[in-house]
C-alpha atoms as a PDB file:
ATOM      1  CA  MET A   1      15.145 -25.893  15.931  1.00  0.00           C
ATOM      2  CA  THR A   2      15.942 -25.230  19.441  1.00  0.00           C
ATOM      3  CA  VAL A   3      15.057 -22.382  21.505  1.00  0.00           C
ATOM      4  CA  SER A   4      17.970 -19.853  22.011  1.00  0.00           C
ATOM      5  CA  GLN A   5      19.793 -19.845  25.599  1.00  0.00           C
ATOM      6  CA  SER A   6      18.933 -16.279  26.104  1.00  0.00           C
ATOM      7  CA  ARG A   7      15.472 -16.453  25.611  1.00  0.00           C
ATOM      8  CA  ALA A   8      14.834 -19.690  27.644  1.00  0.00           C
ATOM      9  CA  GLN A   9      16.601 -17.896  30.723  1.00  0.00           C
ATOM     10  CA  ARG A  10      14.803 -14.937  30.069  1.00  0.00           C
ATOM     11  CA  VAL A  11      11.329 -16.693  30.591  1.00  0.00           C
ATOM     12  CA  GLY A  12      12.698 -18.845  33.392  1.00  0.00           C
ATOM     13  CA  LEU A  13      12.529 -22.303  31.473  1.00  0.00           C
ATOM     14  CA  PRO A  14      14.506 -24.934  33.635  1.00  0.00           C
ATOM     15  CA  SER A  15      17.950 -25.472  32.478  1.00  0.00           C
ATOM     16  CA  ALA A  16      17.382 -29.034  31.873  1.00  0.00           C
ATOM     17  CA  ILE A  17      14.590 -28.393  29.257  1.00  0.00           C
ATOM     18  CA  ARG A  18      16.051 -25.293  27.532  1.00  0.00           C
ATOM     19  CA  ASN A  19      17.892 -26.807  24.649  1.00  0.00           C
ATOM     20  CA  ARG A  20      14.874 -29.727  23.864  1.00  0.00           C
ATOM     21  CA  PRO A  21      13.163 -29.405  20.371  1.00  0.00           C
ATOM     22  CA  MET A  22      10.641 -26.907  20.055  1.00  0.00           C
ATOM     23  CA  ALA A  23       7.773 -29.351  19.609  1.00  0.00           C
ATOM     24  CA  TRP A  24       8.290 -30.767  23.061  1.00  0.00           C
ATOM     25  CA  TYR A  25       7.549 -27.222  24.525  1.00  0.00           C
ATOM     26  CA  ASN A  26       4.677 -26.720  22.309  1.00  0.00           C
ATOM     27  CA  ASP A  27       3.057 -29.426  24.247  1.00  0.00           C
ATOM     28  CA  TYR A  28       3.789 -28.431  27.648  1.00  0.00           C
ATOM     29  CA  TYR A  29       4.484 -24.563  27.803  1.00  0.00           C
ATOM     30  CA  SER A  30       2.313 -22.200  26.086  1.00  0.00           C
ATOM     31  CA  TYR A  31       1.118 -18.811  26.481  1.00  0.00           C
ATOM     32  CA  PRO A  32      -2.859 -17.938  26.429  1.00  0.00           C
ATOM     33  CA  PRO A  33      -3.648 -16.036  23.304  1.00  0.00           C
ATOM     34  CA  SER A  34      -3.333 -12.056  23.821  1.00  0.00           C
ATOM     35  CA  LYS A  35      -5.019  -9.374  22.163  1.00  0.00           C
ATOM     36  CA  PRO A  36      -2.371  -6.622  20.651  1.00  0.00           C
ATOM     37  CA  ARG A  37      -2.826  -2.911  21.435  1.00  0.00           C
ATOM     38  CA  LYS A  38      -3.871  -1.111  18.548  1.00  0.00           C
ATOM     39  CA  VAL A  39      -1.815   0.993  16.587  1.00  0.00           C
ATOM     40  CA  LYS A  40      -1.863   3.930  14.203  1.00  0.00           C
ATOM     41  CA  GLY A  41       0.739   4.361  11.572  1.00  0.00           C
ATOM     42  CA  GLY A  42       2.100   0.984  11.495  1.00  0.00           C
ATOM     43  CA  ILE A  43       3.404  -0.854   8.477  1.00  0.00           C
ATOM     44  CA  LYS A  44       0.657  -2.651   6.823  1.00  0.00           C
ATOM     45  CA  ALA A  45       1.121  -5.674   4.405  1.00  0.00           C
ATOM     46  CA  GLN A  46      -0.491  -5.021   0.921  1.00  0.00           C
ATOM     47  CA  SER A  47      -1.511  -8.493   0.454  1.00  0.00           C
ATOM     48  CA  LYS A  48      -5.091  -8.168   2.324  1.00  0.00           C
ATOM     49  CA  ARG A  49      -5.456 -12.182   1.751  1.00  0.00           C
ATOM     50  CA  GLY A  50      -4.159 -15.399   0.668  1.00  0.00           C
ATOM     51  CA  ARG A  51      -0.457 -16.028   0.146  1.00  0.00           C
ATOM     52  CA  PHE A  52       2.345 -13.438   0.190  1.00  0.00           C
ATOM     53  CA  GLY A  53       4.956 -13.008  -2.454  1.00  0.00           C
ATOM     54  CA  THR A  54       3.983 -11.793  -5.847  1.00  0.00           C
ATOM     55  CA  THR A  55       7.564 -12.481  -7.241  1.00  0.00           C
ATOM     56  CA  TRP A  56       9.478 -15.717  -7.326  1.00  0.00           C
ATOM     57  CA  TRP A  57      12.024 -14.542  -5.110  1.00  0.00           C
ATOM     58  CA  GLY A  58       9.390 -13.381  -2.453  1.00  0.00           C
ATOM     59  CA  ARG A  59       7.642 -16.729  -2.662  1.00  0.00           C
ATOM     60  CA  CYS A  60      10.877 -18.591  -2.377  1.00  0.00           C
ATOM     61  CA  TRP A  61      11.440 -16.446   0.788  1.00  0.00           C
ATOM     62  CA  ILE A  62       8.555 -17.479   2.429  1.00  0.00           C
ATOM     63  CA  ASP A  63       7.585 -20.786   0.892  1.00  0.00           C
ATOM     64  CA  THR A  64      11.334 -21.695   2.622  1.00  0.00           C
ATOM     65  CA  LEU A  65      10.480 -20.454   6.088  1.00  0.00           C
ATOM     66  CA  GLU A  66       7.141 -22.166   5.851  1.00  0.00           C
ATOM     67  CA  SER A  67       8.991 -25.447   5.205  1.00  0.00           C
ATOM     68  CA  PHE A  68      10.922 -25.035   8.126  1.00  0.00           C
ATOM     69  CA  ASP A  69       7.922 -26.408  10.073  1.00  0.00           C
ATOM     70  CA  ILE A  70       8.244 -23.741  12.591  1.00  0.00           C
ATOM     71  CA  GLY A  71       4.684 -23.932  14.259  1.00  0.00           C
ATOM     72  CA  ALA A  72       1.407 -22.026  13.934  1.00  0.00           C
ATOM     73  CA  ARG A  73       2.710 -18.715  15.025  1.00  0.00           C
ATOM     74  CA  LEU A  74       3.399 -18.085  11.474  1.00  0.00           C
ATOM     75  CA  GLY A  75      -0.247 -17.834  10.921  1.00  0.00           C
ATOM     76  CA  ARG A  76      -0.487 -15.307  13.793  1.00  0.00           C
ATOM     77  CA  GLY A  77       2.236 -13.314  12.268  1.00  0.00           C
ATOM     78  CA  ARG A  78       0.121 -12.763   9.128  1.00  0.00           C
ATOM     79  CA  SER A  79      -2.770 -11.233  11.249  1.00  0.00           C
ATOM     80  CA  TYR A  80      -0.005  -8.821  13.050  1.00  0.00           C
ATOM     81  CA  ALA A  81       1.497  -7.821   9.702  1.00  0.00           C
ATOM     82  CA  ARG A  82      -1.930  -7.188   7.819  1.00  0.00           C
ATOM     83  CA  SER A  83      -3.280  -5.227  10.843  1.00  0.00           C
ATOM     84  CA  GLY A  84      -0.304  -2.610  11.319  1.00  0.00           C
ATOM     85  CA  GLN A  85       0.998  -3.951  14.328  1.00  0.00           C
ATOM     86  CA  VAL A  86       5.082  -3.654  13.211  1.00  0.00           C
ATOM     87  CA  LEU A  87       6.072  -0.096  13.772  1.00  0.00           C
ATOM     88  CA  SER A  88       9.310  -0.160  12.022  1.00  0.00           C
ATOM     89  CA  ILE A  89      11.644  -2.383  10.014  1.00  0.00           C
ATOM     90  CA  ASP A  90      15.351  -1.480   9.487  1.00  0.00           C
ATOM     91  CA  VAL A  91      17.332  -3.865   6.970  1.00  0.00           C
ATOM     92  CA  GLU A  92      20.855  -3.947   7.234  1.00  0.00           C
ATOM     93  CA  LYS A  93      23.669  -6.179   6.135  1.00  0.00           C
ATOM     94  CA  GLY A  94      23.093  -9.204   7.713  1.00  0.00           C
ATOM     95  CA  ARG A  95      20.553  -8.132  10.260  1.00  0.00           C
ATOM     96  CA  VAL A  96      17.067  -7.026  10.209  1.00  0.00           C
ATOM     97  CA  THR A  97      15.514  -4.871  13.468  1.00  0.00           C
ATOM     98  CA  ALA A  98      12.262  -4.256  14.221  1.00  0.00           C
ATOM     99  CA  SER A  99       9.675  -2.951  16.550  1.00  0.00           C
ATOM    100  CA  VAL A 100       6.198  -4.593  17.106  1.00  0.00           C
ATOM    101  CA  GLN A 101       3.469  -3.474  19.162  1.00  0.00           C
ATOM    102  CA  GLY A 102       1.952  -6.402  21.161  1.00  0.00           C
ATOM    103  CA  SER A 103      -0.590  -6.567  24.020  1.00  0.00           C
ATOM    104  CA  ARG A 104       1.922  -4.744  26.460  1.00  0.00           C
ATOM    105  CA  ALA A 105       2.485  -0.997  26.470  1.00  0.00           C
ATOM    106  CA  THR A 106       6.099  -1.189  25.476  1.00  0.00           C
ATOM    107  CA  PRO A 107       6.926  -2.388  21.783  1.00  0.00           C
ATOM    108  CA  TYR A 108       8.706  -5.408  21.463  1.00  0.00           C
ATOM    109  CA  GLN A 109      12.090  -5.389  19.742  1.00  0.00           C
ATOM    110  CA  VAL A 110      12.779  -8.012  17.162  1.00  0.00           C
ATOM    111  CA  VAL A 111      16.339  -8.787  15.807  1.00  0.00           C
ATOM    112  CA  ILE A 112      16.945 -11.298  12.801  1.00  0.00           C
ATOM    113  CA  ARG A 113      20.359 -12.227  11.580  1.00  0.00           C
ATOM    114  CA  MET A 114      21.341 -14.159   8.609  1.00  0.00           C
ATOM    115  CA  ASN A 115      24.743 -15.211   7.895  1.00  0.00           C
ATOM    116  CA  GLU A 116      26.643 -13.024   5.546  1.00  0.00           C
ATOM    117  CA  HIS A 117      28.592 -14.380   2.684  1.00  0.00           C
ATOM    118  CA  SER A 118      32.556 -13.574   2.349  1.00  0.00           C
ATOM    119  CA  GLU A 119      34.184 -11.616   0.332  1.00  0.00           C
ATOM    120  CA  THR A 120      35.679 -14.386  -1.512  1.00  0.00           C
ATOM    121  CA  ASP A 121      32.135 -15.652  -2.049  1.00  0.00           C
ATOM    122  CA  TRP A 122      30.900 -12.346  -3.454  1.00  0.00           C
ATOM    123  CA  LYS A 123      33.766 -12.345  -5.707  1.00  0.00           C
ATOM    124  CA  LYS A 124      32.652 -15.751  -6.976  1.00  0.00           C
ATOM    125  CA  VAL A 125      29.130 -14.444  -7.533  1.00  0.00           C
ATOM    126  CA  ALA A 126      30.351 -11.222  -9.558  1.00  0.00           C
ATOM    127  CA  ARG A 127      32.478 -13.366 -11.744  1.00  0.00           C
ATOM    128  CA  ALA A 128      29.644 -15.811 -12.399  1.00  0.00           C
ATOM    129  CA  LEU A 129      27.150 -12.846 -13.068  1.00  0.00           C
ATOM    130  CA  ARG A 130      29.645 -11.170 -15.625  1.00  0.00           C
ATOM    131  CA  GLU A 131      29.813 -14.427 -17.191  1.00  0.00           C
ATOM    132  CA  GLN A 132      25.846 -14.372 -17.976  1.00  0.00           C
ATOM    133  CA  PRO A 133      24.904 -11.010 -19.219  1.00  0.00           C
ATOM    134  CA  PHE A 134      21.292 -12.015 -18.876  1.00  0.00           C
ATOM    135  CA  PHE A 135      21.206 -12.225 -15.203  1.00  0.00           C
ATOM    136  CA  ALA A 136      23.453  -9.197 -15.009  1.00  0.00           C
ATOM    137  CA  ALA A 137      20.792  -7.006 -17.385  1.00  0.00           C
ATOM    138  CA  LYS A 138      17.848  -8.316 -15.297  1.00  0.00           C
ATOM    139  CA  LEU A 139      19.576  -7.091 -11.762  1.00  0.00           C
ATOM    140  CA  LEU A 140      20.279  -3.531 -13.246  1.00  0.00           C
ATOM    141  CA  ALA A 141      16.637  -3.737 -14.150  1.00  0.00           C
ATOM    142  CA  GLY A 142      15.679  -4.514 -10.376  1.00  0.00           C
ATOM    143  CA  GLU A 143      14.729  -7.905 -11.420  1.00  0.00           C
ATOM    144  CA  MET A 144      16.163 -11.658 -10.512  1.00  0.00           C
ATOM    145  CA  PRO A 145      15.393 -14.243 -13.207  1.00  0.00           C
ATOM    146  CA  PRO A 146      14.321 -17.519 -12.364  1.00  0.00           C
ATOM    147  CA  GLY A 147      17.649 -19.404 -12.612  1.00  0.00           C
ATOM    148  CA  PHE A 148      19.180 -16.894 -10.088  1.00  0.00           C
ATOM    149  CA  GLU A 149      19.448 -19.382  -7.377  1.00  0.00           C
ATOM    150  CA  PRO A 150      21.148 -22.200  -9.610  1.00  0.00           C
ATOM    151  CA  LEU A 151      23.778 -19.501 -10.206  1.00  0.00           C
ATOM    152  CA  PHE A 152      24.504 -19.098  -6.761  1.00  0.00           C
ATOM    153  CA  ALA A 153      24.007 -22.898  -5.967  1.00  0.00           C
ATOM    154  CA  SER A 154      27.019 -23.747  -8.747  1.00  0.00           C
ATOM    155  CA  GLU A 155      29.336 -21.483  -6.450  1.00  0.00           C
ATOM    156  CA  GLY A 156      28.107 -23.818  -3.297  1.00  0.00           C
ATOM    157  CA  LEU A 157      26.189 -20.758  -1.951  1.00  0.00           C
ATOM    158  CA  SER A 158      22.808 -19.714  -1.228  1.00  0.00           C
ATOM    159  CA  LEU A 159      20.829 -16.768  -1.463  1.00  0.00           C
ATOM    160  CA  PHE A 160      18.156 -18.010   0.776  1.00  0.00           C
ATOM    161  CA  PRO A 161      18.209 -19.536   4.001  1.00  0.00           C
ATOM    162  CA  ARG A 162      18.425 -23.309   3.730  1.00  0.00           C
ATOM    163  CA  ARG A 163      17.622 -24.444   6.969  1.00  0.00           C
ATOM    164  CA  GLY A 164      16.138 -22.738  10.100  1.00  0.00           C
ATOM    165  CA  ALA A 165      19.742 -22.552  11.500  1.00  0.00           C
ATOM    166  CA  ASP A 166      20.610 -20.013   9.001  1.00  0.00           C
ATOM    167  CA  LEU A 167      18.350 -17.531  10.647  1.00  0.00           C
ATOM    168  CA  LYS A 168      19.289 -16.250  14.182  1.00  0.00           C
ATOM    169  CA  THR A 169      16.143 -14.711  15.768  1.00  0.00           C
ATOM    170  CA  ASP A 170      15.344 -12.949  18.869  1.00  0.00           C
ATOM    171  CA  CYS A 171      12.296 -11.064  20.579  1.00  0.00           C
ATOM    172  CA  SER A 172      12.268  -9.005  23.859  1.00  0.00           C
ATOM    173  CA  CYS A 173       8.680 -10.722  24.127  1.00  0.00           C
ATOM    174  CA  PRO A 174       7.980 -13.477  27.002  1.00  0.00           C
ATOM    175  CA  ASP A 175       7.008 -15.963  24.200  1.00  0.00           C
ATOM    176  CA  TRP A 176       9.804 -18.296  24.271  1.00  0.00           C
ATOM    177  CA  SER A 177       8.835 -19.901  20.731  1.00  0.00           C
ATOM    178  CA  ASN A 178      11.077 -19.170  18.016  1.00  0.00           C
ATOM    179  CA  PRO A 179       9.828 -17.544  15.879  1.00  0.00           C
ATOM    180  CA  CYS A 180       7.276 -15.843  18.040  1.00  0.00           C
ATOM    181  CA  LYS A 181       4.486 -14.248  16.220  1.00  0.00           C
ATOM    182  CA  HIS A 182       6.262 -10.972  16.384  1.00  0.00           C
ATOM    183  CA  ILE A 183       9.200 -12.498  14.617  1.00  0.00           C
ATOM    184  CA  ALA A 184       6.943 -14.152  11.916  1.00  0.00           C
ATOM    185  CA  ALA A 185       5.133 -10.793  11.130  1.00  0.00           C
ATOM    186  CA  VAL A 186       8.187  -9.152  10.383  1.00  0.00           C
ATOM    187  CA  TYR A 187       9.286 -12.051   7.822  1.00  0.00           C
ATOM    188  CA  TYR A 188       6.156 -11.689   6.117  1.00  0.00           C
ATOM    189  CA  LEU A 189       6.537  -8.125   5.733  1.00  0.00           C
ATOM    190  CA  LEU A 190       9.937  -8.741   4.516  1.00  0.00           C
ATOM    191  CA  THR A 191       8.353 -10.690   1.683  1.00  0.00           C
ATOM    192  CA  GLU A 192       6.510  -8.110   0.065  1.00  0.00           C
ATOM    193  CA  GLU A 193       9.718  -5.824   0.848  1.00  0.00           C
ATOM    194  CA  PHE A 194      11.717  -8.324  -1.458  1.00  0.00           C
ATOM    195  CA  ASP A 195       9.208  -8.420  -4.149  1.00  0.00           C
ATOM    196  CA  ARG A 196       9.908  -4.556  -4.233  1.00  0.00           C
ATOM    197  CA  ASP A 197      13.397  -4.560  -4.015  1.00  0.00           C
ATOM    198  CA  PRO A 198      15.363  -7.770  -4.477  1.00  0.00           C
ATOM    199  CA  PHE A 199      18.425  -6.024  -3.562  1.00  0.00           C
ATOM    200  CA  LEU A 200      17.426  -6.358   0.211  1.00  0.00           C
ATOM    201  CA  LEU A 201      18.239 -10.159  -0.116  1.00  0.00           C
ATOM    202  CA  PHE A 202      21.655  -9.484  -1.320  1.00  0.00           C
ATOM    203  CA  ARG A 203      21.982  -6.712   1.801  1.00  0.00           C
ATOM    204  CA  LEU A 204      20.946  -9.539   4.243  1.00  0.00           C
ATOM    205  CA  ARG A 205      23.678 -11.544   2.609  1.00  0.00           C
ATOM    206  CA  GLY A 206      26.325  -8.943   3.423  1.00  0.00           C
ATOM    207  CA  MET A 207      26.106  -6.964  -0.132  1.00  0.00           C
ATOM    208  CA  THR A 208      24.431  -3.905  -1.252  1.00  0.00           C
ATOM    209  CA  ARG A 209      23.380  -2.865  -4.419  1.00  0.00           C
ATOM    210  CA  GLU A 210      25.994  -0.575  -5.377  1.00  0.00           C
ATOM    211  CA  GLU A 211      28.747  -2.455  -4.025  1.00  0.00           C
ATOM    212  CA  LEU A 212      27.168  -5.580  -5.960  1.00  0.00           C
ATOM    213  CA  LEU A 213      26.735  -3.866  -9.349  1.00  0.00           C
ATOM    214  CA  THR A 214      30.170  -1.859  -9.168  1.00  0.00           C
ATOM    215  CA  ARG A 215      31.460  -5.735  -9.269  1.00  0.00           C
ATOM    216  CA  ILE A 216      29.669  -6.550 -12.131  1.00  0.00           C
ATOM    217  CA  VAL A 217      30.190  -3.566 -14.429  1.00  0.00           C
ATOM    218  CA  GLY A 218      32.941  -2.008 -12.791  1.00  0.00           C
ATOM    219  CA  ALA A 219      33.557   1.321 -10.955  1.00  0.00           C
ATOM    220  CA  PRO A 220      32.593   4.528 -12.507  1.00  0.00           C
ATOM    221  CA  LYS A 221      35.916   6.162 -13.365  1.00  0.00           C
ATOM    222  CA  ASP A 222      36.679   9.760 -11.614  1.00  0.00           C
ATOM    223  CA  ALA A 223      35.111  12.612 -13.800  1.00  0.00           C
ATOM    224  CA  GLY A 224      38.368  14.760 -13.350  1.00  0.00           C
ATOM    225  CA  ASP A 225      40.975  11.902 -14.200  1.00  0.00           C
ATOM    226  CA  THR A 226      41.178  11.640 -18.144  1.00  0.00           C
ATOM    227  CA  ARG A 227      43.700   8.512 -17.426  1.00  0.00           C
ATOM    228  CA  ALA A 228      41.663   5.455 -18.117  1.00  0.00           C
ATOM    229  CA  HIS A 229      45.081   3.272 -18.290  1.00  0.00           C
ATOM    230  CA  PRO A 230      48.475   4.940 -17.825  1.00  0.00           C
ATOM    231  CA  GLU A 231      49.416   3.492 -21.285  1.00  0.00           C
ATOM    232  CA  GLU A 232      46.680   5.170 -22.845  1.00  0.00           C
ATOM    233  CA  LYS A 233      47.059   8.525 -24.658  1.00  0.00           C
ATOM    234  CA  VAL A 234      44.374  10.858 -24.357  1.00  0.00           C
ATOM    235  CA  SER A 235      43.710  13.376 -27.353  1.00  0.00           C
ATOM    236  CA  PRO A 236      42.725  16.685 -26.419  1.00  0.00           C
ATOM    237  CA  PRO A 237      38.934  17.548 -26.995  1.00  0.00           C
ATOM    238  CA  GLU A 238      38.113  19.628 -30.183  1.00  0.00           C
ATOM    239  CA  PRO A 239      37.174  23.119 -29.685  1.00  0.00           C
ATOM    240  CA  VAL A 240      33.719  23.832 -30.213  1.00  0.00           C
ATOM    241  CA  THR A 241      32.859  26.256 -33.422  1.00  0.00           C
ATOM    242  CA  PRO A 242      30.504  28.975 -32.503  1.00  0.00           C
ATOM    243  CA  ASP A 243      27.151  29.218 -34.459  1.00  0.00           C
ATOM    244  CA  ALA A 244      25.609  32.602 -34.363  1.00  0.00           C
ATOM    245  CA  ARG A 245      22.161  31.028 -35.728  1.00  0.00           C
ATOM    246  CA  PHE A 246      21.831  29.309 -32.207  1.00  0.00           C
ATOM    247  CA  TRP A 247      20.879  32.719 -30.765  1.00  0.00           C
ATOM    248  CA  GLN A 248      18.309  33.873 -33.514  1.00  0.00           C
ATOM    249  CA  GLU A 249      14.793  33.604 -33.221  1.00  0.00           C
ATOM    250  CA  GLY A 250      13.215  31.167 -35.391  1.00  0.00           C
ATOM    251  CA  ALA A 251       9.419  30.187 -36.498  1.00  0.00           C
ATOM    252  CA  LEU A 252       7.807  27.418 -34.232  1.00  0.00           C
ATOM    253  CA  PRO A 253       6.681  24.492 -36.067  1.00  0.00           C
ATOM    254  CA  ASP A 254       2.916  23.610 -36.018  1.00  0.00           C
ATOM    255  CA  ASP A 255       3.397  20.520 -34.296  1.00  0.00           C
ATOM    256  CA  LEU A 256       5.704  21.448 -31.517  1.00  0.00           C
ATOM    257  CA  PHE A 257       3.800  19.817 -29.005  1.00  0.00           C
ATOM    258  CA  GLY A 258       2.858  16.787 -30.869  1.00  0.00           C
ATOM    259  CA  SER A 259      -0.215  14.534 -30.636  1.00  0.00           C
ATOM    260  CA  VAL A 260      -1.915  15.687 -27.176  1.00  0.00           C
ATOM    261  CA  ARG A 261      -4.367  13.361 -25.702  1.00  0.00           C
ATOM    262  CA  THR A 262      -5.003  12.032 -22.294  1.00  0.00           C
ATOM    263  CA  PRO A 263      -2.722   9.214 -21.269  1.00  0.00           C
ATOM    264  CA  PRO A 264      -4.248   5.490 -22.000  1.00  0.00           C
ATOM    265  CA  ALA A 265      -3.060   4.534 -18.418  1.00  0.00           C
ATOM    266  CA  PRO A 266      -3.463   6.425 -15.727  1.00  0.00           C
ATOM    267  CA  ALA A 267      -1.011   7.096 -13.046  1.00  0.00           C
ATOM    268  CA  ALA A 268       1.772   5.351 -15.308  1.00  0.00           C
ATOM    269  CA  LEU A 269       4.832   7.074 -13.964  1.00  0.00           C
ATOM    270  CA  PRO A 270       3.780   6.692 -10.288  1.00  0.00           C
ATOM    271  CA  LYS A 271       3.329   2.789 -11.097  1.00  0.00           C
ATOM    272  CA  ARG A 272       6.629   2.791 -12.685  1.00  0.00           C
ATOM    273  CA  LEU A 273       8.049   3.494  -9.449  1.00  0.00           C
ATOM    274  CA  GLY A 274       6.511   0.251  -8.034  1.00  0.00           C
ATOM    275  CA  LYS A 275       5.288  -0.222  -4.441  1.00  0.00           C
ATOM    276  CA  PHE A 276       6.179   2.201  -1.584  1.00  0.00           C
ATOM    277  CA  PRO A 277       8.662   0.824   0.782  1.00  0.00           C
ATOM    278  CA  PHE A 278       6.730  -0.232   4.205  1.00  0.00           C
ATOM    279  CA  TRP A 279       3.570   1.389   3.285  1.00  0.00           C
ATOM    280  CA  ARG A 280       1.510   2.445   6.527  1.00  0.00           C
ATOM    281  CA  ALA A 281      -1.861   3.796   5.278  1.00  0.00           C
ATOM    282  CA  GLU A 282      -5.123   2.104   5.439  1.00  0.00           C
ATOM    283  CA  GLU A 283      -5.524   1.987   1.525  1.00  0.00           C
ATOM    284  CA  ARG A 284      -2.709   1.302  -1.234  1.00  0.00           C
ATOM    285  CA  PHE A 285      -1.242   4.333  -2.407  1.00  0.00           C
ATOM    286  CA  LEU A 286      -1.747   3.630  -6.113  1.00  0.00           C
ATOM    287  CA  GLU A 287      -5.251   2.407  -5.845  1.00  0.00           C
ATOM    288  CA  VAL A 288      -6.112   5.969  -4.366  1.00  0.00           C
ATOM    289  CA  LEU A 289      -3.873   7.570  -6.588  1.00  0.00           C
ATOM    290  CA  GLU A 290      -5.259   6.318  -9.723  1.00  0.00           C
ATOM    291  CA  PRO A 291      -8.705   7.553  -9.938  1.00  0.00           C
ATOM    292  CA  ILE A 292      -7.586  11.113  -9.163  1.00  0.00           C
ATOM    293  CA  TYR A 293      -5.305  10.920 -12.344  1.00  0.00           C
ATOM    294  CA  LYS A 294      -8.324   9.607 -14.283  1.00  0.00           C
ATOM    295  CA  LYS A 295     -10.394  12.749 -13.267  1.00  0.00           C
ATOM    296  CA  ALA A 296      -7.524  15.221 -13.546  1.00  0.00           C
ATOM    297  CA  SER A 297      -6.433  14.054 -17.197  1.00  0.00           C
ATOM    298  CA  PRO A 298      -9.640  15.363 -19.104  1.00  0.00           C
ATOM    299  CA  ARG A 299      -9.350  18.662 -17.211  1.00  0.00           C
ATOM    300  CA  GLY A 300      -5.948  19.107 -17.800  1.00  0.00           C
ATOM    301  CA  LEU A 301      -6.427  18.588 -21.290  1.00  0.00           C
ATOM    302  CA  ASP A 302      -9.240  20.880 -21.664  1.00  0.00           C
ATOM    303  CA  LEU A 303      -7.220  23.978 -19.962  1.00  0.00           C
ATOM    304  CA  PHE A 304      -4.069  23.141 -22.539  1.00  0.00           C
ATOM    305  CA  GLN A 305      -6.955  23.454 -25.425  1.00  0.00           C
ATOM    306  CA  GLY A 306      -8.047  26.764 -24.231  1.00  0.00           C
ATOM    307  CA  GLY A 307     -10.635  25.659 -21.947  1.00  0.00           C
ATOM    308  CA  GLU A 308     -11.544  28.237 -19.036  1.00  0.00           C
ATOM    309  CA  GLU A 309     -10.438  27.777 -15.435  1.00  0.00           C
ATOM    310  CA  THR A 310     -12.899  26.707 -12.814  1.00  0.00           C
END
């Protein structure tokens, strides 16, 4: 990997050394460690310690980046990600933009670009997915089965970057290293977002969730168009026969509410929603919410059974 010319010019490196390998720069040009300014309301990594990535695709993303041998700044990027130095991240087709607070008053602007697959390539992927109902069903459920990357490879494609050159990155900081710690922090936070929503990986490759699912299952029919195909004859709907008993009051069954009890698992519905995108608070949302549910459930059951309000 080499340092981009724009960054090299910005920090004033001589033209004779701008395109030398990164390792050469590490030996002769380095910036002393700086202490970042404290941030309130920044995006905090949910991983407090250990490795990033709880899904196979999240681990594959970060393992791929770490395999590029891009220097020790990945470690400093982990620290930035966990301390909430990243102020914002926006994932678009083929592009990630972010704002990261460093040691200077003005946050640094980070841009990460990833090569998008062509329309022809995505048609091949969609066709392969239609031939693999299991993969399509998993995608509809918001998951990626382990054999998903081989499916891409069978079409001569890759969902993840294969080499460092597949990612084009830039940061407005004065550090010439690529990636710098600010870019690395965004890499790690993206890992957690990919865990939560694997379709962000597809978006980086140029395809949104809605566009991909439409290619797999087909576009929904217009509700106002009764013609599925021109040659298909559509029968008129059958009239509804009115039933006067519908409006009559009847006796309520004794077990109208069924079995009423406290839920066996607290905060089950929020847990089904998964992690919240780009969480910013000091504590994890579900960890804070779960004890509230545990306290509220018995009280709610008591009120339902006729207990007095307090």
